[in-house]
Amino acid sequence: MSRLPGLFLSVGPAGHDIDPDALGRSILPDISDLSARLRFQPDEGQVWLDDQRMVLLNLEGQATLRRELIQNLGPRKTKEILFRTGHAAGAREAMLAIKVRGGRPQLDAFLVGPQLHALRGEVHVVPIVIEADIESGKYYSELIWRNSAEAETHVASFGGSAEPVCWMQIGYASGYTSSIMERPILFQEVECVACGAPHCRIIGRPAEEWPDIPERTYMPRASLPRAQKPAAMDGAVEANDIVGASSRFLAAWHLMGRVAPLTTTVLLSGETGVGKEIFARALHNASPRARKLMFSINCAAIPESLIDAELFGVEKGAFTGAGQERAGWFEAANGSTLFLDEIGALSITAQAKLLRVLQEGQFSRLGGTRIRQVDVRIVCATNVDLEMEVKQGRFRADVLYRLNAFPISIPPLRERCGDIPPLIDHFLNRFNQRTGRRINGFTLQAVDALMIYEFPGNVRELENMIERAAILTHEDEPIDIFHLFNNQSVLRKTFLRPEMNGKLRERRLAEGSTSMAGAVAVGALTGRRSLAEIEALAIDEAMKASAGNVSKAARTLGLTRAQLRHRLKEHSNTS
C-alpha cells in the first residue's frame, strides 16, 4: 500500500505513426490478477471487485440515463455530472493499484486503472506515452481508447457529436491519475469516435497546464490522494488527521462541512476510537472561531463532585478549600469552541446547568449568584445511546433535544472497510516521517487480513497496530501479516472466522498453504508461538513447498532472494 516511489516511466514516442494494437500487446501486463478479484454472489444480489461493491448496467440503460440527463439538464451540466462521477470512481480505485501490484514494476501498477476500464467493458486502453515523476509532479500521457462504450451510447442516442463525449471516462482517468500522482491531473479527449475519428485519443497533464477549459472547474477542490483527505471545508485549513474514502465517512464529513460555519450545537456519536475528537477539532478549524484555541474536556474523567466547579467555575468560599475564585471551562472558552467528550457521564445537576447555557448562553459559578453571559460553540460527543439513557432516567430529555440539534454519526471502522487502505497508508507515512525509517508498504496478505479484522478499538486500534508492526518490520521491507497479528488469539479469530467478509479466507487458503496467510493460518495457530517463531515457521513452510529453492520461496513470501537469505542466516544463528 505504499505509493509508487520516484515513479518515472516512458512508453513509446508521441505521435500517430505507431501501431496501437502492437504497442498495447507489448505494454499491457497480464490482467488475471485483477479479474481474479471480481466476484459474483448472485445468491446475495452482489457483485464485488476486491472490497468494492459493483453493479452491472447494460448499454441500453446507460444510453437512456445519458439521454434523460442531456434532455433535462443540457449537455454542459450532464458533462459535469458524469465527469465528477467518473472522477470519484477513479480516485477510489487508485488504491487497488498499489494493493494488487505494489511489488510489481511501476508501469504494471500504474496500468491498473486502464486495465480496470477494460475489465468493466468500458473501453480498451492502449498507452502511447506515459511520462510521470511523482517526486517533481511532472506528468504527461497520451492514450488511445478503442471500443468506447460511452461513445457508442452517445452515438446510439444522438447520432454523433461535434465535440468529444467520453465524459465519465475522462473523469475516471483524471481521478485515478490524480490519486496516483498526488496532485490534480486533468485529461482531455482530443479525438473521439462520436466525432468521426477512427478511435478516441486522450492526453493527460497537470490541471494547471490546461488553461481556460471548463473541465478545470469540474475538478474537486482537493483531489483525493491515496491517503485520502476530504476536501477542505470553506475557510478551513485541511485537517491532517482526517483520512477516509468510504461513502459513510464522506457523508459524515459533508454534514460537518455544512454546520461548521454556524454556531449550532453539534452532537458527535460513535464507538470509542472512531475519531470523534479529531472530527470536533476539524469542525472548529473550519469555523469562524478557528483563530482561537478549542477547549476539550472529558466529562467522564472528572469526579461527579467536581464537575460543576470544572465546567462553570467557583466563587471564593463556595466550599471548604475554595480560597479564591476560579473560572470554569465555559468562561475559558468564551468566543471559541468547547468540546465536551462523553457527555453522557454528566450528572443530572450538571445537565440542568448545561441546558441553561445551551438555551440562553448564561450560567453562574458554584457558590455565586451573578449571572455570566458567554458566547461558546458547544460540540459534544458520546459513545452511548443517549435515548436509552433518557428512558432509564440517567439523562434529561430536554438536554438531549438541545444537543441533538445537529447530530453526526461516525460509523465504526468495521462498517467502512474502504477507509482501511488510505488509513494504513497515512499512518505508515507518518511513522516513516517521524522516525526517519523506510518501511516499504504492506504485503497483499497483510492488507487482506486488515480488511477482515473487526477492529473493536476502531481507528485508534488500527493506528497503534500499524506503529507496532512498523517497529517490528525490517528496513526497506513491507509490513506482513505476522508483524500485525503477533497474538495467537487474534490470529485465530481473524483467520478462522467462518463468515469472513468477501470469503477472503477461502480465496487465500485456496492459493495454497505456501502463501504467507496459509503458513500462518495452518501452522502458527497450532500452539502459542512468539513473533520470531511464526516468522521462522512461515519461512520453513515456504522452503519445504519450494523443495529448497530460495528464489521460489522468496517469491512466495513476498521477499527478495537476498532478504530471504538474510532471514535464513538470522534464524540459523538463533537456533
Protein backbone atom coordinates (compact mmCIF):
# COMPACT_ATOMS: atom_id res chain seq x y z
CA MET A 1 0.00 0.00 0.00
CA SER A 2 2.95 2.34 -0.34
CA ARG A 3 2.89 4.75 -3.24
CA LEU A 4 4.96 4.28 -6.39
CA PRO A 5 8.21 5.92 -5.18
CA GLY A 6 10.09 8.08 -7.66
CA LEU A 7 7.86 6.83 -10.47
CA PHE A 8 9.22 7.68 -13.89
CA LEU A 9 8.19 5.77 -16.95
CA SER A 10 8.10 6.45 -20.65
CA VAL A 11 6.22 4.34 -23.18
CA GLY A 12 6.88 4.89 -26.85
CA PRO A 13 7.11 8.17 -28.79
CA ALA A 14 4.24 10.62 -29.06
CA GLY A 15 2.51 10.88 -32.42
CA HIS A 16 0.33 8.87 -34.76
CA ASP A 17 2.95 6.87 -36.66
CA ILE A 18 2.61 3.75 -34.49
CA ASP A 19 0.65 0.52 -34.44
CA PRO A 20 -1.63 0.88 -31.36
CA ASP A 21 -2.54 -2.80 -31.27
CA ALA A 22 1.06 -3.97 -31.36
CA LEU A 23 2.13 -1.41 -28.75
CA GLY A 24 -0.78 -2.30 -26.47
CA ARG A 25 0.05 -6.01 -26.61
CA SER A 26 3.68 -5.32 -25.73
CA ILE A 27 2.94 -2.95 -22.84
CA LEU A 28 -0.17 -4.16 -21.04
CA PRO A 29 0.55 -6.73 -18.29
CA ASP A 30 -1.50 -9.86 -17.66
CA ILE A 31 -4.90 -8.83 -16.31
CA SER A 32 -5.64 -12.08 -14.46
CA ASP A 33 -4.60 -10.62 -11.08
CA LEU A 34 -7.40 -8.06 -11.46
CA SER A 35 -10.03 -10.37 -12.94
CA ALA A 36 -9.41 -12.82 -10.06
CA ARG A 37 -10.68 -10.13 -7.70
CA LEU A 38 -14.03 -9.90 -9.49
CA ARG A 39 -16.56 -11.99 -7.52
CA PHE A 40 -20.20 -12.72 -8.31
CA GLN A 41 -22.55 -13.55 -5.42
CA PRO A 42 -25.97 -13.93 -7.11
CA ASP A 43 -27.49 -15.58 -4.03
CA GLU A 44 -26.92 -12.31 -2.15
CA GLY A 45 -27.54 -9.97 -5.09
CA GLN A 46 -23.98 -8.66 -5.03
CA VAL A 47 -21.02 -8.24 -7.38
CA TRP A 48 -17.63 -7.32 -5.89
CA LEU A 49 -14.36 -6.01 -7.29
CA ASP A 50 -11.96 -6.67 -4.43
CA ASP A 51 -13.61 -4.81 -1.49
CA GLN A 52 -15.83 -2.60 -3.68
CA ARG A 53 -19.42 -3.48 -4.48
CA MET A 54 -20.16 -3.13 -8.20
CA VAL A 55 -23.33 -3.04 -10.33
CA LEU A 56 -23.74 -4.32 -13.89
CA LEU A 57 -25.70 -1.99 -16.16
CA ASN A 58 -26.29 -2.72 -19.83
CA LEU A 59 -25.61 -0.16 -22.54
CA GLU A 60 -29.30 0.45 -23.20
CA GLY A 61 -29.76 1.53 -19.60
CA GLN A 62 -26.71 3.79 -19.78
CA ALA A 63 -27.92 5.29 -23.07
CA THR A 64 -31.32 6.04 -21.53
CA LEU A 65 -29.73 7.66 -18.48
CA ARG A 66 -27.44 9.77 -20.66
CA ARG A 67 -30.30 10.81 -22.94
CA GLU A 68 -32.53 11.82 -20.00
CA LEU A 69 -29.73 13.83 -18.39
CA ILE A 70 -28.91 15.73 -21.57
CA GLN A 71 -32.55 16.42 -22.44
CA ASN A 72 -33.41 17.64 -18.93
CA LEU A 73 -30.18 19.31 -17.81
CA GLY A 74 -28.40 20.12 -21.05
CA PRO A 75 -25.04 18.86 -22.35
CA ARG A 76 -22.83 21.07 -20.16
CA LYS A 77 -24.41 20.10 -16.82
CA THR A 78 -24.55 16.44 -17.88
CA LYS A 79 -20.86 16.55 -18.76
CA GLU A 80 -20.05 17.96 -15.32
CA ILE A 81 -22.12 15.31 -13.51
CA LEU A 82 -20.63 12.41 -15.46
CA PHE A 83 -17.09 13.79 -15.10
CA ARG A 84 -17.46 14.06 -11.32
CA THR A 85 -18.97 10.57 -11.15
CA GLY A 86 -16.03 9.11 -13.04
CA HIS A 87 -13.53 11.15 -11.01
CA ALA A 88 -14.85 9.73 -7.72
CA ALA A 89 -14.64 6.16 -9.06
CA GLY A 90 -11.11 6.66 -10.38
CA ALA A 91 -9.83 8.18 -7.14
CA ARG A 92 -11.24 5.22 -5.18
CA GLU A 93 -9.78 2.57 -7.48
CA ALA A 94 -6.28 4.04 -7.39
CA MET A 95 -5.89 2.25 -4.05
CA LEU A 96 -6.32 -1.07 -5.82
CA ALA A 97 -3.27 -0.37 -7.98
CA ILE A 98 -0.90 -0.38 -5.02
CA LYS A 99 -2.73 -3.13 -3.17
CA VAL A 100 -2.56 -5.59 -6.07
CA ARG A 101 0.68 -4.60 -7.81
CA GLY A 102 2.67 -2.79 -5.14
CA GLY A 103 5.55 -5.21 -5.56
CA ARG A 104 5.44 -5.26 -9.36
CA PRO A 105 7.21 -2.97 -11.85
CA GLN A 106 5.94 0.60 -11.59
CA LEU A 107 4.39 0.58 -15.05
CA ASP A 108 2.37 -2.56 -14.23
CA ALA A 109 0.97 -0.88 -11.12
CA PHE A 110 0.21 2.33 -12.97
CA LEU A 111 -1.73 0.46 -15.66
CA VAL A 112 -4.24 -0.99 -13.19
CA GLY A 113 -6.62 1.90 -13.95
CA PRO A 114 -6.58 1.44 -17.74
CA GLN A 115 -7.00 -2.31 -17.31
CA LEU A 116 -9.95 -1.86 -14.94
CA HIS A 117 -11.55 0.13 -17.78
CA ALA A 118 -11.24 -2.98 -19.93
CA LEU A 119 -12.35 -5.35 -17.16
CA ARG A 120 -15.63 -3.47 -16.80
CA GLY A 121 -16.18 -3.45 -20.55
CA GLU A 122 -15.96 0.34 -20.83
CA VAL A 123 -13.02 0.76 -23.20
CA HIS A 124 -9.78 -0.87 -24.33
CA VAL A 125 -6.86 1.42 -23.41
CA VAL A 126 -3.63 1.46 -25.41
CA PRO A 127 -0.80 3.50 -23.80
CA ILE A 128 1.18 5.57 -26.30
CA VAL A 129 3.15 7.83 -23.95
CA ILE A 130 3.28 7.82 -20.15
CA GLU A 131 5.87 10.06 -18.55
CA ALA A 132 5.48 10.58 -14.83
CA ASP A 133 7.65 11.67 -11.92
CA ILE A 134 5.83 11.70 -8.60
CA GLU A 135 8.62 13.48 -6.75
CA SER A 136 8.64 16.51 -9.07
CA GLY A 137 4.95 16.30 -10.00
CA LYS A 138 5.69 16.19 -13.73
CA TYR A 139 3.17 14.23 -15.78
CA TYR A 140 2.29 13.73 -19.44
CA SER A 141 0.45 10.85 -21.06
CA GLU A 142 -1.18 10.04 -24.37
CA LEU A 143 -3.55 7.09 -24.64
CA ILE A 144 -5.75 5.59 -27.33
CA TRP A 145 -9.23 4.35 -26.42
CA ARG A 146 -10.74 1.65 -28.58
CA ASN A 147 -14.34 0.38 -28.39
CA SER A 148 -15.52 3.17 -26.06
CA ALA A 149 -18.88 2.17 -24.60
CA GLU A 150 -19.62 5.79 -23.68
CA ALA A 151 -19.08 6.99 -27.25
CA GLU A 152 -21.24 4.13 -28.51
CA THR A 153 -24.16 5.06 -26.21
CA HIS A 154 -23.95 8.70 -27.29
CA VAL A 155 -23.95 7.82 -30.98
CA ALA A 156 -26.88 5.47 -30.44
CA SER A 157 -28.87 8.27 -28.79
CA PHE A 158 -27.86 11.32 -30.82
CA GLY A 159 -26.17 10.01 -33.98
CA GLY A 160 -22.86 11.74 -33.33
CA SER A 161 -21.40 14.92 -31.88
CA ALA A 162 -19.35 17.94 -32.83
CA GLU A 163 -17.35 17.58 -29.58
CA PRO A 164 -15.82 14.57 -27.73
CA VAL A 165 -18.33 12.77 -25.50
CA CYS A 166 -16.43 10.30 -23.25
CA TRP A 167 -17.08 12.47 -20.22
CA MET A 168 -17.29 9.86 -17.45
CA GLN A 169 -14.20 8.03 -18.70
CA ILE A 170 -12.25 11.30 -18.81
CA GLY A 171 -13.31 11.90 -15.20
CA TYR A 172 -12.21 8.41 -14.21
CA ALA A 173 -8.76 8.84 -15.81
CA SER A 174 -8.37 12.23 -14.11
CA GLY A 175 -9.41 10.93 -10.67
CA TYR A 176 -7.28 7.80 -10.90
CA THR A 177 -4.14 9.61 -12.06
CA SER A 178 -4.60 12.47 -9.59
CA SER A 179 -4.61 9.95 -6.75
CA ILE A 180 -1.53 8.13 -8.04
CA MET A 181 0.39 11.36 -8.70
CA GLU A 182 -0.88 13.02 -5.50
CA ARG A 183 -1.68 16.22 -7.40
CA PRO A 184 -4.57 17.26 -9.72
CA ILE A 185 -4.11 15.70 -13.17
CA LEU A 186 -6.64 16.51 -15.88
CA PHE A 187 -7.29 14.59 -19.10
CA GLN A 188 -8.71 15.95 -22.33
CA GLU A 189 -10.19 13.94 -25.19
CA VAL A 190 -8.62 15.29 -28.38
CA GLU A 191 -10.19 12.74 -30.76
CA CYS A 192 -13.48 10.86 -30.39
CA VAL A 193 -15.34 8.18 -32.33
CA ALA A 194 -18.54 10.19 -31.85
CA CYS A 195 -16.91 12.98 -33.88
CA GLY A 196 -15.98 10.59 -36.71
CA ALA A 197 -12.42 9.68 -35.60
CA PRO A 198 -11.24 6.03 -36.00
CA HIS A 199 -10.67 5.84 -32.26
CA CYS A 200 -10.68 8.08 -29.20
CA ARG A 201 -7.42 9.68 -28.07
CA ILE A 202 -6.79 11.37 -24.72
CA ILE A 203 -3.96 13.47 -23.29
CA GLY A 204 -3.26 13.96 -19.59
CA ARG A 205 -1.35 16.83 -17.95
CA PRO A 206 -1.31 18.62 -14.58
CA ALA A 207 -4.52 20.61 -14.27
CA GLU A 208 -2.74 23.97 -14.24
CA GLU A 209 -1.31 23.23 -17.69
CA TRP A 210 -4.82 23.25 -19.20
CA PRO A 211 -5.75 26.96 -19.21
CA ASP A 212 -9.31 28.12 -19.76
CA ILE A 213 -11.10 24.80 -20.21
CA PRO A 214 -14.40 24.05 -18.40
CA GLU A 215 -13.20 20.70 -17.03
CA ARG A 216 -10.90 22.53 -14.61
CA THR A 217 -13.98 23.75 -12.76
CA TYR A 218 -15.29 20.17 -12.53
CA MET A 219 -12.24 19.01 -10.56
CA PRO A 220 -12.86 18.62 -6.80
CA ARG A 221 -11.42 21.47 -4.77
CA ALA A 222 -8.94 18.97 -3.34
CA SER A 223 -8.34 15.88 -5.46
CA LEU A 224 -8.20 12.94 -3.08
CA PRO A 225 -4.76 11.32 -2.84
CA ARG A 226 -4.43 7.67 -1.91
CA ALA A 227 -4.09 8.55 1.77
CA GLN A 228 -7.37 10.29 1.15
CA LYS A 229 -8.12 13.53 2.92
CA PRO A 230 -11.55 15.03 2.33
CA ALA A 231 -11.63 18.35 0.55
CA ALA A 232 -11.03 21.24 2.94
CA MET A 233 -14.18 23.00 4.12
CA ASP A 234 -14.80 26.63 3.25
CA GLY A 235 -12.35 28.89 5.06
CA ALA A 236 -10.60 25.96 6.71
CA VAL A 237 -7.16 24.54 6.90
CA GLU A 238 -7.36 20.89 5.91
CA ALA A 239 -7.29 18.58 8.94
CA ASN A 240 -4.14 16.47 8.68
CA ASP A 241 -5.57 13.57 10.68
CA ILE A 242 -8.87 13.30 8.79
CA VAL A 243 -8.47 10.45 6.31
CA GLY A 244 -11.19 8.44 4.63
CA ALA A 245 -12.71 7.31 1.35
CA SER A 246 -15.89 5.38 2.19
CA SER A 247 -19.32 6.77 1.43
CA ARG A 248 -20.39 6.73 5.11
CA PHE A 249 -17.26 8.58 6.19
CA LEU A 250 -17.62 11.18 3.45
CA ALA A 251 -21.31 11.62 4.36
CA ALA A 252 -20.30 12.49 7.94
CA TRP A 253 -17.62 14.86 6.61
CA HIS A 254 -20.17 16.55 4.34
CA LEU A 255 -22.52 17.14 7.28
CA MET A 256 -19.65 18.63 9.27
CA GLY A 257 -18.85 20.97 6.40
CA ARG A 258 -22.45 22.19 6.30
CA VAL A 259 -22.63 23.03 10.01
CA ALA A 260 -19.06 24.25 10.60
CA PRO A 261 -19.59 27.95 9.68
CA LEU A 262 -22.57 28.24 12.07
CA THR A 263 -22.92 28.32 15.87
CA THR A 264 -25.26 25.32 16.03
CA THR A 265 -24.57 22.77 18.76
CA VAL A 266 -23.26 19.51 17.29
CA LEU A 267 -23.55 16.03 18.80
CA LEU A 268 -20.97 13.52 17.55
CA SER A 269 -21.85 9.90 18.24
CA GLY A 270 -19.84 6.76 17.66
CA GLU A 271 -17.90 3.99 19.33
CA THR A 272 -14.69 4.56 21.26
CA GLY A 273 -11.76 5.17 18.94
CA VAL A 274 -13.65 6.28 15.79
CA GLY A 275 -12.11 9.77 15.95
CA LYS A 276 -14.81 11.97 17.47
CA GLU A 277 -12.35 14.46 18.94
CA ILE A 278 -10.48 14.69 15.63
CA PHE A 279 -13.79 15.44 13.91
CA ALA A 280 -14.55 18.07 16.55
CA ARG A 281 -11.17 19.73 16.03
CA ALA A 282 -11.65 19.74 12.26
CA LEU A 283 -15.08 21.32 12.75
CA HIS A 284 -13.59 24.04 14.96
CA ASN A 285 -10.78 24.69 12.45
CA ALA A 286 -13.39 25.12 9.72
CA SER A 287 -15.42 27.64 11.73
CA PRO A 288 -15.03 31.43 12.15
CA ARG A 289 -13.73 30.65 15.69
CA ALA A 290 -10.64 28.88 14.35
CA ARG A 291 -8.38 31.80 15.30
CA LYS A 292 -8.95 30.88 18.97
CA LEU A 293 -7.92 27.69 20.76
CA MET A 294 -10.52 24.94 21.06
CA PHE A 295 -11.02 23.67 24.62
CA SER A 296 -11.61 19.96 25.27
CA ILE A 297 -12.85 18.27 28.41
CA ASN A 298 -13.62 14.63 29.11
CA CYS A 299 -16.70 14.63 31.30
CA ALA A 300 -16.09 11.04 32.41
CA ALA A 301 -12.63 11.89 33.75
CA ILE A 302 -13.89 14.46 36.28
CA PRO A 303 -15.34 13.27 39.61
CA GLU A 304 -19.06 13.99 39.89
CA SER A 305 -18.47 16.22 42.94
CA LEU A 306 -16.14 18.49 40.95
CA ILE A 307 -17.79 18.66 37.56
CA ASP A 308 -19.90 21.75 38.35
CA ALA A 309 -16.82 23.60 39.51
CA GLU A 310 -14.79 22.50 36.47
CA LEU A 311 -17.42 23.50 33.92
CA PHE A 312 -18.84 26.66 35.48
CA GLY A 313 -16.17 27.88 37.92
CA VAL A 314 -16.11 28.53 41.67
CA GLU A 315 -16.63 31.62 43.80
CA LYS A 316 -14.35 32.19 46.79
CA GLY A 317 -15.70 30.41 49.87
CA ALA A 318 -18.14 28.27 47.91
CA PHE A 319 -16.93 25.22 49.82
CA THR A 320 -14.18 24.23 52.20
CA GLY A 321 -10.84 24.78 50.49
CA ALA A 322 -12.16 27.27 47.93
CA GLY A 323 -9.78 30.03 48.98
CA GLN A 324 -10.07 32.00 45.75
CA GLU A 325 -12.41 32.39 42.84
CA ARG A 326 -11.70 30.34 39.72
CA ALA A 327 -13.14 30.46 36.23
CA GLY A 328 -14.52 27.28 34.64
CA TRP A 329 -14.22 25.86 31.16
CA PHE A 330 -17.18 27.83 29.79
CA GLU A 331 -15.56 31.14 30.70
CA ALA A 332 -12.20 30.00 29.33
CA ALA A 333 -13.84 29.03 26.02
CA ASN A 334 -15.74 32.31 25.62
CA GLY A 335 -15.67 33.22 21.92
CA SER A 336 -14.35 29.79 20.97
CA THR A 337 -15.46 26.13 20.88
CA LEU A 338 -15.86 23.84 23.89
CA PHE A 339 -15.71 20.11 23.16
CA LEU A 340 -17.48 18.00 25.81
CA ASP A 341 -16.46 14.38 25.34
CA GLU A 342 -18.51 11.57 26.91
CA ILE A 343 -21.36 13.96 27.59
CA GLY A 344 -23.46 11.05 28.88
CA ALA A 345 -21.34 10.99 32.05
CA LEU A 346 -22.65 14.38 33.25
CA SER A 347 -24.70 14.34 36.43
CA ILE A 348 -28.35 15.37 36.33
CA THR A 349 -27.45 18.60 38.19
CA ALA A 350 -24.73 19.48 35.70
CA GLN A 351 -27.11 18.70 32.85
CA ALA A 352 -29.60 21.26 34.19
CA LYS A 353 -26.91 23.98 34.19
CA LEU A 354 -25.76 22.89 30.74
CA LEU A 355 -29.32 23.28 29.46
CA ARG A 356 -29.37 26.91 30.62
CA VAL A 357 -26.11 27.61 28.77
CA LEU A 358 -27.47 25.95 25.63
CA GLN A 359 -30.70 27.95 25.79
CA GLU A 360 -29.55 31.38 26.94
CA GLY A 361 -25.74 31.40 27.00
CA GLN A 362 -25.89 32.11 30.74
CA PHE A 363 -24.65 30.41 33.91
CA SER A 364 -23.47 31.20 37.42
CA ARG A 365 -20.39 29.94 39.20
CA LEU A 366 -20.65 27.42 42.00
CA GLY A 367 -21.48 29.33 45.19
CA GLY A 368 -22.31 32.54 43.33
CA THR A 369 -25.41 34.44 42.24
CA ARG A 370 -24.00 36.61 39.47
CA ILE A 371 -25.30 35.66 36.02
CA ARG A 372 -22.47 35.44 33.48
CA GLN A 373 -23.01 35.64 29.73
CA VAL A 374 -20.77 33.66 27.37
CA ASP A 375 -20.58 33.01 23.63
CA VAL A 376 -19.45 29.38 23.36
CA ARG A 377 -19.92 26.94 20.47
CA ILE A 378 -20.62 23.56 22.07
CA VAL A 379 -19.63 20.31 20.39
CA CYS A 380 -20.45 17.15 22.32
CA ALA A 381 -19.54 13.53 21.84
CA THR A 382 -20.88 10.27 23.19
CA ASN A 383 -20.29 6.56 22.77
CA VAL A 384 -23.55 5.59 24.50
CA ASP A 385 -27.15 5.66 23.30
CA LEU A 386 -28.47 8.86 24.91
CA GLU A 387 -32.07 8.00 24.04
CA MET A 388 -31.70 4.81 26.06
CA GLU A 389 -30.10 6.83 28.86
CA VAL A 390 -33.16 9.10 28.85
CA LYS A 391 -35.51 6.10 29.13
CA GLN A 392 -33.51 4.79 32.09
CA GLY A 393 -33.59 8.17 33.84
CA ARG A 394 -29.88 8.89 33.63
CA PHE A 395 -30.09 11.71 31.09
CA ARG A 396 -32.51 14.61 30.78
CA ALA A 397 -34.75 14.51 27.71
CA ASP A 398 -34.76 18.33 27.34
CA VAL A 399 -30.94 18.37 27.30
CA LEU A 400 -30.87 15.65 24.65
CA TYR A 401 -33.29 17.61 22.46
CA ARG A 402 -30.99 20.62 22.69
CA LEU A 403 -27.82 18.62 21.99
CA ASN A 404 -29.49 16.79 19.13
CA ALA A 405 -29.88 19.97 17.08
CA PHE A 406 -27.37 18.64 14.56
CA PRO A 407 -26.31 15.01 15.18
CA ILE A 408 -23.44 13.45 13.22
CA SER A 409 -22.90 9.71 13.50
CA ILE A 410 -19.35 8.48 12.84
CA PRO A 411 -19.52 4.80 11.81
CA PRO A 412 -17.17 2.17 13.29
CA LEU A 413 -14.23 1.08 11.19
CA ARG A 414 -15.68 -2.39 10.58
CA GLU A 415 -18.59 -0.73 8.73
CA ARG A 416 -16.34 1.35 6.47
CA CYS A 417 -13.67 -1.04 5.28
CA GLY A 418 -12.99 1.23 2.32
CA ASP A 419 -11.23 3.60 4.73
CA ILE A 420 -8.69 0.98 5.83
CA PRO A 421 -6.33 1.21 2.80
CA PRO A 422 -5.96 5.01 2.92
CA LEU A 423 -5.71 4.97 6.71
CA ILE A 424 -2.89 2.43 6.87
CA ASP A 425 -1.04 4.31 4.14
CA HIS A 426 -1.46 7.54 6.12
CA PHE A 427 -0.31 6.03 9.42
CA LEU A 428 2.71 4.34 7.84
CA ASN A 429 3.78 7.51 6.01
CA ARG A 430 3.50 9.45 9.24
CA PHE A 431 5.57 6.83 11.08
CA ASN A 432 8.28 6.92 8.42
CA GLN A 433 8.42 10.72 8.50
CA ARG A 434 8.52 10.87 12.30
CA THR A 435 11.16 8.18 12.79
CA GLY A 436 13.21 8.54 9.60
CA ARG A 437 12.73 4.84 8.84
CA ARG A 438 11.87 3.32 5.44
CA ILE A 439 9.13 0.72 5.83
CA ASN A 440 8.04 -0.20 2.34
CA GLY A 441 4.26 -0.51 2.49
CA PHE A 442 2.23 -3.67 3.11
CA THR A 443 2.02 -7.14 1.60
CA LEU A 444 -1.22 -8.17 -0.06
CA GLN A 445 -1.85 -10.74 2.69
CA ALA A 446 -1.45 -8.06 5.37
CA VAL A 447 -3.97 -5.77 3.66
CA ASP A 448 -6.47 -8.61 3.20
CA ALA A 449 -6.13 -9.51 6.89
CA LEU A 450 -6.76 -5.93 7.95
CA MET A 451 -9.82 -5.78 5.71
CA ILE A 452 -11.50 -8.65 7.58
CA TYR A 453 -10.40 -7.81 11.13
CA GLU A 454 -13.19 -6.47 13.36
CA PHE A 455 -11.21 -3.60 14.99
CA PRO A 456 -13.04 -3.34 18.32
CA GLY A 457 -10.83 -0.31 19.08
CA ASN A 458 -11.59 1.28 15.70
CA VAL A 459 -9.19 3.80 14.15
CA ARG A 460 -7.21 4.21 17.37
CA GLU A 461 -6.51 0.48 17.44
CA LEU A 462 -5.52 0.49 13.77
CA GLU A 463 -3.07 3.35 14.33
CA ASN A 464 -1.41 1.56 17.23
CA MET A 465 -1.32 -1.70 15.27
CA ILE A 466 0.46 -0.05 12.33
CA GLU A 467 3.03 1.60 14.59
CA ARG A 468 3.78 -1.65 16.41
CA ALA A 469 4.06 -3.55 13.12
CA ALA A 470 6.34 -0.87 11.63
CA ILE A 471 8.67 -1.15 14.63
CA LEU A 472 8.91 -4.92 14.10
CA THR A 473 9.50 -4.68 10.33
CA HIS A 474 12.99 -4.57 8.84
CA GLU A 475 14.12 -1.52 6.87
CA ASP A 476 13.05 -1.40 3.19
CA GLU A 477 10.64 -4.32 3.67
CA PRO A 478 6.83 -4.33 3.69
CA ILE A 479 4.72 -4.95 6.77
CA ASP A 480 3.44 -8.53 6.70
CA ILE A 481 0.67 -10.34 8.46
CA PHE A 482 2.83 -11.72 11.29
CA HIS A 483 4.01 -8.18 12.11
CA LEU A 484 0.40 -7.05 12.55
CA PHE A 485 -1.04 -10.03 14.43
CA ASN A 486 1.56 -11.34 16.84
CA ASN A 487 -1.09 -12.61 19.22
CA GLN A 488 -2.34 -16.15 18.74
CA SER A 489 -5.94 -15.47 19.79
CA VAL A 490 -6.22 -12.53 17.39
CA LEU A 491 -4.77 -14.59 14.57
CA ARG A 492 -7.21 -17.37 15.30
CA LYS A 493 -10.20 -15.03 15.30
CA THR A 494 -9.02 -13.31 12.15
CA PHE A 495 -8.31 -16.35 10.02
CA LEU A 496 -10.74 -18.92 11.32
CA ARG A 497 -13.97 -16.87 11.38
CA PRO A 498 -16.33 -18.71 9.02
CA GLU A 499 -18.16 -15.55 7.99
CA MET A 500 -15.11 -13.69 6.67
CA ASN A 501 -16.36 -10.80 4.53
CA GLY A 502 -15.94 -11.50 0.83
CA LYS A 503 -14.74 -15.04 1.60
CA LEU A 504 -11.15 -13.81 1.64
CA ARG A 505 -10.15 -16.73 3.81
CA GLU A 506 -11.21 -19.36 1.26
CA ARG A 507 -9.56 -17.41 -1.54
CA ARG A 508 -6.30 -17.05 0.38
CA LEU A 509 -6.20 -20.67 1.58
CA ALA A 510 -7.11 -21.88 -1.92
CA GLU A 511 -3.89 -20.33 -3.15
CA GLY A 512 -2.03 -22.92 -1.12
CA SER A 513 -0.54 -23.23 2.31
CA THR A 514 2.73 -21.90 0.97
CA SER A 515 1.37 -18.35 0.91
CA MET A 516 2.06 -16.18 3.94
CA ALA A 517 -1.58 -16.32 5.02
CA GLY A 518 -1.63 -20.08 4.61
CA ALA A 519 1.57 -20.55 6.55
CA VAL A 520 0.29 -18.51 9.43
CA ALA A 521 -3.24 -19.93 9.39
CA VAL A 522 -2.19 -23.57 9.11
CA GLY A 523 0.95 -23.59 11.21
CA ALA A 524 1.14 -20.64 13.56
CA LEU A 525 -2.24 -21.29 15.13
CA THR A 526 -1.44 -24.79 16.36
CA GLY A 527 0.11 -23.52 19.60
CA ARG A 528 1.45 -20.42 21.36
CA ARG A 529 4.34 -19.02 19.36
CA SER A 530 6.40 -15.88 19.52
CA LEU A 531 6.73 -13.50 16.58
CA ALA A 532 10.16 -14.95 15.74
CA GLU A 533 8.73 -18.48 15.80
CA ILE A 534 5.87 -17.51 13.50
CA GLU A 535 8.29 -15.91 11.07
CA ALA A 536 10.56 -18.97 11.16
CA LEU A 537 7.57 -21.25 10.62
CA ALA A 538 6.47 -19.25 7.58
CA ILE A 539 9.95 -19.46 6.11
CA ASP A 540 10.17 -23.21 6.79
CA GLU A 541 6.79 -23.80 5.13
CA ALA A 542 7.84 -21.83 2.06
CA MET A 543 11.22 -23.60 1.81
CA LYS A 544 9.55 -27.03 2.09
CA ALA A 545 6.95 -26.17 -0.53
CA SER A 546 9.65 -24.96 -2.93
CA ALA A 547 11.89 -28.02 -2.29
CA GLY A 548 14.67 -25.77 -1.04
CA ASN A 549 14.54 -23.33 -3.96
CA VAL A 550 15.36 -19.99 -2.29
CA SER A 551 14.18 -17.83 -5.19
CA LYS A 552 10.81 -19.57 -5.38
CA ALA A 553 10.36 -19.43 -1.60
CA ALA A 554 11.22 -15.73 -1.61
CA ARG A 555 8.55 -15.03 -4.21
CA THR A 556 6.02 -16.98 -2.13
CA LEU A 557 6.86 -14.90 0.95
CA GLY A 558 6.89 -11.59 -0.91
CA LEU A 559 10.62 -11.09 -0.27
CA THR A 560 13.65 -10.66 -2.47
CA ARG A 561 16.15 -13.53 -2.67
CA ALA A 562 18.70 -11.51 -0.70
CA GLN A 563 16.17 -10.68 2.02
CA LEU A 564 15.22 -14.35 2.43
CA ARG A 565 18.88 -15.43 2.59
CA HIS A 566 19.42 -12.84 5.32
CA ARG A 567 16.42 -14.17 7.26
CA LEU A 568 17.62 -17.76 6.87
CA LYS A 569 21.02 -16.79 8.23
CA GLU A 570 19.40 -14.98 11.18
CA HIS A 571 17.25 -17.97 12.08
CA SER A 572 20.13 -20.41 11.73
CA ASN A 573 22.23 -18.30 14.13
CA THR A 574 19.47 -18.22 16.75
CA SER A 575 18.52 -21.89 16.51
